[in-house]
């Protein structure tokens, strides 16, 4: 029954734009699905194809936001205006406008808790690291991090590094053959292999330390009890 209700709410939200809050609460859509919803009903100036948007991302002024193709917005914050304007208007008897546009090119990732300020252009093939505060334009192909955000690398090199690391993983064949970044058919197998690899490797390292250096007074059993 619950699945049937979810399907009905999802259909009405995606196709009609109805019950958006209920849709988020009940369906908790994946980021690719939510991007489709936002593209149809979210008032963005423009959204390209193949985008992914976490439903907990904060976009204060979607009318002034343009996203290219293959853009991922994690739990980030796109701030289309400076909230200080109301206080300044009252304090100094002014009428200010701090609203600005945010333009994001193709193939861009914006990480968790990153903040993008108004009047910013993020070039194609760029990565905004988690927690970064973007106060100026990001050039094509750059990785930026920090407060304020500064260039720390190139996206192309990051891709090559991660490709090499992935090829060395025990489950590389599954990654190579799965459908997209998430494939429910192989996910349980992936999780099992990762858990076995991560924690068996950690236990082996602790055992080595006990044997070589006697780090734990209680010996082998007390050491392995930590993992």
Foldseek 3Di string as FASTA:
>chain_A
DLVVVLVVVLCCCLPPVPPVVCNCVSVVDFQQSVLSSCQVPVLACEAEEPEGERPQAAEPCRVQEYYEYHEYEYNEYEEQFDPCQVVCCVVVVDDDGGGAHEYEYAQEYEDAHEYEYGPEYEAHCEYEYHNEYDDYYHYHQFYWYDVPTDGDDGNVVVVVVVVVVLVPDPCSVVVVPADPPDHVVCVVVVVVSVVCVVLVVVLVVQLVCCVPPVPDVVGNVVSSVVD
